[in-house]
Amino acid sequence: MDYPKNFANEKELEEALSRPTPELVDMMKELEGDFILLGVAGKMGVSMARMAKRACGEAGVQKRIIGVSRFSSPEQRTFLEESGVETIKGDLLDLDFIDSLPEVKNVIYLAGMKFGTEGNESATWAMNSFLPGLVVEKFKNSRIVAFSTGCVYPLVKIASGGSKESDSPEPVGEYSQSCLGRERLFEFGSIKNDTPVVLIRLNYAVEMRYGVLVDIATKVNNNETIDLTMGYANVIWQGDANEMILRTVRYCETPAKHLNISGSEVISIADIARQFGKIMDKEVKLTGVEADSALLVNVSQGHKLLGKPRVSLDQVLKWTADWVGNDHRLLGKPTHFEVRDGKY
């Protein structure tokens, strides 16, 4: 994939985030059915929907790619429609709205709530656990790829290499518990209705406008102190995550399959901060001592099925440093990757 040295603007960034691979194009040639993306207007859904549409175009096949959301930002809906993605506006917690959605063979479930859990627990459980029960019943005759999170795992020793899909979940805090609830509802529907499902445990997708690397680069750029207590993490370029997750449609199973998705490396927050400091010519301020545990996932199974990410960590670091250093627009949505008590 011939990516630019840096991104001059969001148009170039959006192109890169939605660029399909030959493997995805080949899948679209062979795969039966249209796609519907539920909760499409979040951080990943827009570029993923556009990637799916572009892959169909390159494959020379006609598939409906449908994005569903409340579309609180109308420009996202316009952007998707201009890209050839159909859109449906509505509240997924409205049972009549769910019932009105078209029957589609391939479902990508991206809806969920993370930040603001504290003090708003009931809405968090409704979005993360009640809604999946509605969706898995509505689309019981479909294949479903549902976003989960690595937060369902406990903190593990750094040397362990991360939690494997076969490890028992031990979620900390109500957000993580509600995400395990999401998994359990999809698992129940998969068994009850013989619905093929893949549950994606993602840690953490990054691009130039948000993510763990943007959080670190922004603090370096602003001469702010970085707490090292959560000293390690996994990250993956969002374009690679989009592509890999779309291709997991082929691996939906009954009972539901669990799959960790992330990059190959366990990154050191201190090392990343120092690299940003060097690239951006900024002093790096660090505090605290790395704990001997972190929220990490083992990605060997996912990489065996889907291949490794195409974009290197070094490349994403350079892109991020340039983007943040040149004061391009950020989403203003910190990941809170440093949280250890599950309170988001």
Protein backbone atom coordinates (compact mmCIF):
# COMPACT_ATOMS: atom_id res chain seq x y z
CA MET A 1 0.00 0.00 0.00
CA ASP A 2 1.61 3.22 -1.19
CA TYR A 3 0.67 5.71 1.52
CA PRO A 4 1.83 9.36 1.54
CA LYS A 5 4.72 10.49 3.74
CA ASN A 6 2.30 12.68 5.69
CA PHE A 7 -1.33 13.76 5.42
CA ALA A 8 -1.88 17.35 4.32
CA ASN A 9 -5.57 17.37 5.24
CA GLU A 10 -8.53 15.25 6.32
CA LYS A 11 -9.44 14.37 2.75
CA GLU A 12 -6.10 12.59 2.31
CA LEU A 13 -6.48 10.94 5.71
CA GLU A 14 -10.01 9.70 4.95
CA GLU A 15 -8.79 8.26 1.65
CA ALA A 16 -6.09 6.26 3.41
CA LEU A 17 -8.40 5.07 6.19
CA SER A 18 -10.91 3.72 3.65
CA ARG A 19 -8.50 2.22 1.11
CA PRO A 20 -9.33 -1.47 0.55
CA THR A 21 -6.74 -4.20 0.19
CA PRO A 22 -6.68 -6.80 -2.61
CA GLU A 23 -7.78 -9.41 -0.07
CA LEU A 24 -10.87 -7.41 0.85
CA VAL A 25 -11.69 -6.82 -2.82
CA ASP A 26 -11.42 -10.54 -3.49
CA MET A 27 -13.73 -11.28 -0.56
CA MET A 28 -16.36 -8.91 -1.92
CA LYS A 29 -16.27 -10.77 -5.25
CA GLU A 30 -17.10 -14.04 -3.53
CA LEU A 31 -19.21 -13.09 -0.50
CA GLU A 32 -22.97 -13.28 -0.71
CA GLY A 33 -25.15 -10.42 0.46
CA ASP A 34 -25.23 -6.73 1.32
CA PHE A 35 -23.81 -5.04 4.44
CA ILE A 36 -25.45 -2.99 7.18
CA LEU A 37 -23.33 -1.11 9.72
CA LEU A 38 -25.17 -0.31 12.95
CA GLY A 39 -23.82 2.71 14.80
CA VAL A 40 -21.94 3.80 11.70
CA ALA A 41 -21.31 7.41 12.78
CA GLY A 42 -18.80 6.56 15.51
CA LYS A 43 -15.04 6.90 15.29
CA MET A 44 -14.51 3.88 13.01
CA GLY A 45 -17.79 3.31 11.20
CA VAL A 46 -17.60 6.03 8.55
CA SER A 47 -14.22 4.95 7.18
CA MET A 48 -15.18 1.27 7.45
CA ALA A 49 -18.39 1.77 5.48
CA ARG A 50 -16.53 3.73 2.82
CA MET A 51 -13.88 1.00 2.63
CA ALA A 52 -16.57 -1.63 2.10
CA LYS A 53 -18.13 0.45 -0.67
CA ARG A 54 -14.79 1.10 -2.35
CA ALA A 55 -13.94 -2.62 -2.19
CA CYS A 56 -17.22 -3.48 -3.94
CA GLY A 57 -16.45 -0.92 -6.63
CA GLU A 58 -13.00 -2.36 -7.24
CA ALA A 59 -14.44 -5.87 -7.22
CA GLY A 60 -17.01 -4.88 -9.85
CA VAL A 61 -19.92 -6.13 -7.72
CA GLN A 62 -23.14 -4.42 -6.69
CA LYS A 63 -23.75 -4.56 -2.96
CA ARG A 64 -25.78 -2.26 -0.77
CA ILE A 65 -23.66 -0.80 2.00
CA ILE A 66 -26.06 0.68 4.55
CA GLY A 67 -25.07 2.86 7.51
CA VAL A 68 -27.45 3.29 10.46
CA SER A 69 -27.08 5.97 13.13
CA ARG A 70 -28.77 8.87 14.87
CA PHE A 71 -26.39 11.05 12.79
CA SER A 72 -26.09 13.80 15.37
CA SER A 73 -23.50 15.28 13.01
CA PRO A 74 -25.31 15.69 9.67
CA GLU A 75 -22.05 16.14 7.76
CA GLN A 76 -21.16 12.49 8.43
CA ARG A 77 -24.38 11.37 6.78
CA THR A 78 -23.71 13.61 3.78
CA PHE A 79 -20.13 12.33 3.52
CA LEU A 80 -21.31 8.71 3.52
CA GLU A 81 -24.02 9.32 0.94
CA GLU A 82 -21.59 11.15 -1.34
CA SER A 83 -19.42 8.02 -1.08
CA GLY A 84 -22.25 5.77 -2.25
CA VAL A 85 -23.23 4.46 1.19
CA GLU A 86 -26.96 4.36 1.90
CA THR A 87 -27.97 5.84 5.24
CA ILE A 88 -30.87 5.29 7.63
CA LYS A 89 -31.38 7.75 10.49
CA GLY A 90 -32.89 6.60 13.76
CA ASP A 91 -32.46 5.51 17.36
CA LEU A 92 -31.33 1.91 17.72
CA LEU A 93 -32.92 1.73 21.17
CA ASP A 94 -36.33 2.29 19.56
CA LEU A 95 -37.85 -1.17 19.08
CA ASP A 96 -40.07 -0.03 16.20
CA PHE A 97 -37.03 1.45 14.44
CA ILE A 98 -35.04 -1.78 14.88
CA ASP A 99 -37.96 -3.76 13.45
CA SER A 100 -38.14 -1.43 10.44
CA LEU A 101 -34.55 -2.05 9.34
CA PRO A 102 -34.07 -4.11 6.18
CA GLU A 103 -33.02 -7.73 6.37
CA VAL A 104 -29.33 -7.78 5.36
CA LYS A 105 -27.03 -10.78 5.16
CA ASN A 106 -23.91 -9.19 6.69
CA VAL A 107 -24.18 -7.09 9.87
CA ILE A 108 -21.38 -5.03 11.42
CA TYR A 109 -22.37 -3.96 14.92
CA LEU A 110 -20.45 -0.87 16.09
CA ALA A 111 -22.90 0.70 18.55
CA GLY A 112 -21.88 1.19 22.16
CA MET A 113 -21.24 3.62 25.00
CA LYS A 114 -18.01 4.02 26.93
CA PHE A 115 -17.28 7.49 28.22
CA GLY A 116 -19.68 9.00 30.69
CA THR A 117 -20.42 5.65 32.29
CA GLU A 118 -19.92 7.10 35.76
CA GLY A 119 -23.28 8.57 36.81
CA ASN A 120 -25.02 7.26 33.69
CA GLU A 121 -24.83 3.54 34.29
CA SER A 122 -28.35 2.65 33.15
CA ALA A 123 -27.82 4.16 29.68
CA THR A 124 -24.50 2.35 29.41
CA TRP A 125 -26.13 -1.01 30.13
CA ALA A 126 -28.98 -0.24 27.73
CA MET A 127 -26.60 0.51 24.87
CA ASN A 128 -24.04 -2.18 25.61
CA SER A 129 -26.21 -5.08 26.78
CA PHE A 130 -29.93 -4.50 26.04
CA LEU A 131 -29.43 -3.35 22.44
CA PRO A 132 -27.34 -6.39 21.43
CA GLY A 133 -30.24 -8.61 22.47
CA LEU A 134 -32.54 -6.71 20.11
CA VAL A 135 -30.02 -6.79 17.26
CA VAL A 136 -29.16 -10.47 17.48
CA GLU A 137 -32.88 -11.33 17.36
CA LYS A 138 -33.66 -8.94 14.50
CA PHE A 139 -30.77 -10.23 12.41
CA LYS A 140 -30.92 -13.88 13.43
CA ASN A 141 -30.67 -14.98 9.78
CA SER A 142 -27.55 -12.89 9.12
CA ARG A 143 -23.84 -13.12 9.80
CA ILE A 144 -22.94 -10.70 12.60
CA VAL A 145 -19.56 -9.15 13.34
CA ALA A 146 -19.93 -7.32 16.66
CA PHE A 147 -17.47 -4.93 18.24
CA SER A 148 -16.47 -5.80 21.77
CA THR A 149 -13.35 -4.64 23.60
CA GLY A 150 -10.20 -5.94 25.21
CA CYS A 151 -11.51 -4.32 28.40
CA VAL A 152 -13.43 -7.52 29.15
CA TYR A 153 -10.06 -9.02 30.10
CA PRO A 154 -8.24 -8.35 33.37
CA LEU A 155 -4.93 -6.52 33.63
CA VAL A 156 -2.16 -9.04 32.87
CA LYS A 157 1.59 -9.19 33.41
CA ILE A 158 3.56 -7.40 30.70
CA ALA A 159 5.67 -10.48 30.01
CA SER A 160 2.56 -12.59 29.35
CA GLY A 161 2.14 -11.21 25.84
CA GLY A 162 -1.50 -10.36 26.52
CA SER A 163 -4.79 -12.13 27.11
CA LYS A 164 -5.82 -14.87 24.69
CA GLU A 165 -9.34 -15.45 23.43
CA SER A 166 -9.52 -18.63 25.52
CA ASP A 167 -8.80 -16.72 28.75
CA SER A 168 -11.70 -16.10 31.10
CA PRO A 169 -13.01 -12.53 31.05
CA GLU A 170 -12.69 -10.59 34.30
CA PRO A 171 -14.10 -7.13 33.53
CA VAL A 172 -13.31 -4.29 35.93
CA GLY A 173 -15.93 -1.54 36.32
CA GLU A 174 -19.44 -1.13 34.94
CA TYR A 175 -18.38 -0.21 31.41
CA SER A 176 -16.35 -3.40 31.01
CA GLN A 177 -19.04 -5.46 32.72
CA SER A 178 -21.68 -4.12 30.34
CA CYS A 179 -19.41 -5.04 27.42
CA LEU A 180 -19.23 -8.59 28.68
CA GLY A 181 -23.03 -8.39 28.85
CA ARG A 182 -22.98 -7.42 25.16
CA GLU A 183 -20.91 -10.49 24.36
CA ARG A 184 -23.19 -12.76 26.37
CA LEU A 185 -26.31 -11.54 24.53
CA PHE A 186 -24.69 -12.13 21.15
CA GLU A 187 -23.50 -15.54 22.35
CA PHE A 188 -27.02 -16.40 23.50
CA GLY A 189 -28.58 -15.37 20.20
CA SER A 190 -25.93 -17.23 18.25
CA ILE A 191 -26.75 -20.47 20.05
CA LYS A 192 -30.54 -19.92 20.21
CA ASN A 193 -30.99 -19.09 16.53
CA ASP A 194 -27.91 -20.75 15.01
CA THR A 195 -26.65 -17.30 13.99
CA PRO A 196 -22.97 -17.10 12.95
CA VAL A 197 -21.20 -14.42 15.03
CA VAL A 198 -17.70 -13.04 15.56
CA LEU A 199 -17.02 -10.88 18.61
CA ILE A 200 -14.13 -8.46 18.02
CA ARG A 201 -12.07 -7.63 21.10
CA LEU A 202 -10.26 -4.52 19.85
CA ASN A 203 -7.33 -2.76 21.56
CA TYR A 204 -6.84 0.12 20.37
CA ALA A 205 -7.49 1.54 16.89
CA VAL A 206 -5.59 4.79 16.20
CA GLU A 207 -5.55 7.42 13.49
CA MET A 208 -4.33 10.99 13.31
CA ARG A 209 -7.32 12.63 15.03
CA TYR A 210 -7.74 10.40 18.07
CA GLY A 211 -6.31 7.39 19.84
CA VAL A 212 -3.62 6.40 22.32
CA LEU A 213 -0.82 7.83 20.16
CA VAL A 214 -2.65 11.15 19.71
CA ASP A 215 -3.17 11.33 23.49
CA ILE A 216 0.58 10.91 24.06
CA ALA A 217 1.66 13.19 21.19
CA THR A 218 -0.70 15.95 22.34
CA LYS A 219 0.75 15.91 25.85
CA VAL A 220 4.29 16.02 24.47
CA ASN A 221 3.36 18.87 22.12
CA ASN A 222 1.73 20.83 24.97
CA ASN A 223 4.59 20.17 27.41
CA GLU A 224 2.24 18.25 29.71
CA THR A 225 3.35 15.49 32.07
CA ILE A 226 2.59 11.90 31.10
CA ASP A 227 1.69 9.38 33.82
CA LEU A 228 3.44 6.07 33.24
CA THR A 229 1.46 3.90 35.67
CA MET A 230 -0.36 2.20 32.76
CA GLY A 231 2.95 1.80 31.03
CA TYR A 232 2.08 -0.42 28.07
CA ALA A 233 -0.64 -0.85 25.44
CA ASN A 234 -1.54 -2.37 22.07
CA VAL A 235 -2.42 -0.18 19.09
CA ILE A 236 -3.34 -0.71 15.43
CA TRP A 237 -3.70 1.73 12.53
CA GLN A 238 -7.43 2.18 12.01
CA GLY A 239 -7.22 1.48 8.29
CA ASP A 240 -5.77 -1.96 9.07
CA ALA A 241 -8.38 -2.53 11.78
CA ASN A 242 -11.19 -1.62 9.36
CA GLU A 243 -9.92 -4.05 6.75
CA MET A 244 -9.30 -6.92 9.13
CA ILE A 245 -12.68 -6.54 10.84
CA LEU A 246 -14.58 -6.47 7.54
CA ARG A 247 -12.85 -9.69 6.51
CA THR A 248 -13.87 -11.44 9.74
CA VAL A 249 -17.34 -11.82 8.19
CA ARG A 250 -15.89 -14.99 6.65
CA TYR A 251 -15.11 -16.40 10.08
CA CYS A 252 -18.50 -16.04 11.77
CA GLU A 253 -19.37 -19.20 13.68
CA THR A 254 -21.99 -20.78 15.88
CA PRO A 255 -21.43 -20.61 18.84
CA ALA A 256 -19.95 -17.13 18.56
CA LYS A 257 -16.23 -16.85 17.87
CA HIS A 258 -14.04 -14.42 19.86
CA LEU A 259 -11.17 -12.67 18.12
CA ASN A 260 -8.57 -10.21 19.42
CA ILE A 261 -7.63 -7.47 16.95
CA SER A 262 -4.63 -5.17 17.44
CA GLY A 263 -1.10 -4.51 16.29
CA SER A 264 1.84 -6.86 16.67
CA GLU A 265 3.79 -4.89 19.28
CA VAL A 266 3.29 -4.21 22.96
CA ILE A 267 4.20 -0.53 23.06
CA SER A 268 5.94 1.23 25.95
CA ILE A 269 4.25 4.55 26.75
CA ALA A 270 7.58 6.02 27.91
CA ASP A 271 9.39 4.93 24.73
CA ILE A 272 6.60 6.30 22.52
CA ALA A 273 6.65 9.63 24.38
CA ARG A 274 10.42 9.90 23.94
CA GLN A 275 10.12 9.15 20.23
CA PHE A 276 7.51 11.88 19.86
CA GLY A 277 9.77 14.25 21.79
CA LYS A 278 12.62 13.54 19.40
CA ILE A 279 10.52 13.92 16.25
CA MET A 280 8.71 17.04 17.50
CA ASP A 281 11.78 18.55 19.19
CA LYS A 282 9.95 18.80 22.50
CA GLU A 283 10.92 18.14 26.10
CA VAL A 284 9.23 15.02 27.46
CA LYS A 285 7.86 15.09 31.00
CA LEU A 286 7.19 11.73 32.61
CA THR A 287 5.95 10.82 36.06
CA GLY A 288 5.19 7.63 37.95
CA VAL A 289 6.49 4.10 37.61
CA GLU A 290 5.13 1.49 35.21
CA ALA A 291 2.97 -1.09 36.92
CA ASP A 292 3.88 -4.69 36.17
CA SER A 293 0.50 -5.25 34.53
CA ALA A 294 -1.55 -3.65 31.75
CA LEU A 295 -4.56 -4.23 29.54
CA LEU A 296 -3.04 -6.25 26.71
CA VAL A 297 -4.29 -8.72 24.10
CA ASN A 298 -2.55 -11.59 22.37
CA VAL A 299 -3.19 -11.24 18.62
CA SER A 300 -1.66 -14.46 17.29
CA GLN A 301 -5.01 -16.03 16.36
CA GLY A 302 -6.24 -12.94 14.51
CA HIS A 303 -2.98 -12.51 12.61
CA LYS A 304 -3.00 -16.20 11.65
CA LEU A 305 -6.46 -15.81 10.10
CA LEU A 306 -6.13 -12.30 8.63
CA GLY A 307 -2.43 -11.55 8.32
CA LYS A 308 -0.50 -8.86 10.14
CA PRO A 309 -1.24 -5.13 9.90
CA ARG A 310 0.28 -3.48 6.82
CA VAL A 311 1.11 -0.13 8.39
CA SER A 312 4.03 -0.20 10.82
CA LEU A 313 4.05 1.42 14.24
CA ASP A 314 6.95 3.62 13.12
CA GLN A 315 4.89 4.94 10.20
CA VAL A 316 1.90 5.75 12.41
CA LEU A 317 4.19 7.52 14.90
CA LYS A 318 5.60 9.76 12.17
CA TRP A 319 2.13 10.52 10.77
CA THR A 320 0.82 11.34 14.25
CA ALA A 321 3.74 13.59 15.16
CA ASP A 322 3.33 15.54 11.93
CA TRP A 323 -0.45 15.86 12.31
CA VAL A 324 -0.41 16.95 15.95
CA GLY A 325 2.67 19.12 15.50
CA ASN A 326 0.99 21.03 12.65
CA ASP A 327 -2.17 21.64 14.69
CA HIS A 328 -4.53 19.73 12.42
CA ARG A 329 -8.03 19.04 13.74
CA LEU A 330 -8.41 16.47 16.52
CA LEU A 331 -11.64 14.83 17.65
CA GLY A 332 -11.07 15.88 21.25
CA LYS A 333 -11.98 12.42 22.55
CA PRO A 334 -9.24 11.12 24.87
CA THR A 335 -9.11 7.33 25.06
CA HIS A 336 -8.43 7.22 28.82
CA PHE A 337 -6.17 4.25 28.08
CA GLU A 338 -4.38 4.98 31.36
CA VAL A 339 -7.45 4.06 33.45
CA ARG A 340 -6.82 1.02 35.64
CA ASP A 341 -9.98 0.94 37.78
CA GLY A 342 -12.52 0.64 34.95
CA LYS A 343 -14.11 4.05 35.68
CA TYR A 344 -14.47 5.90 32.36
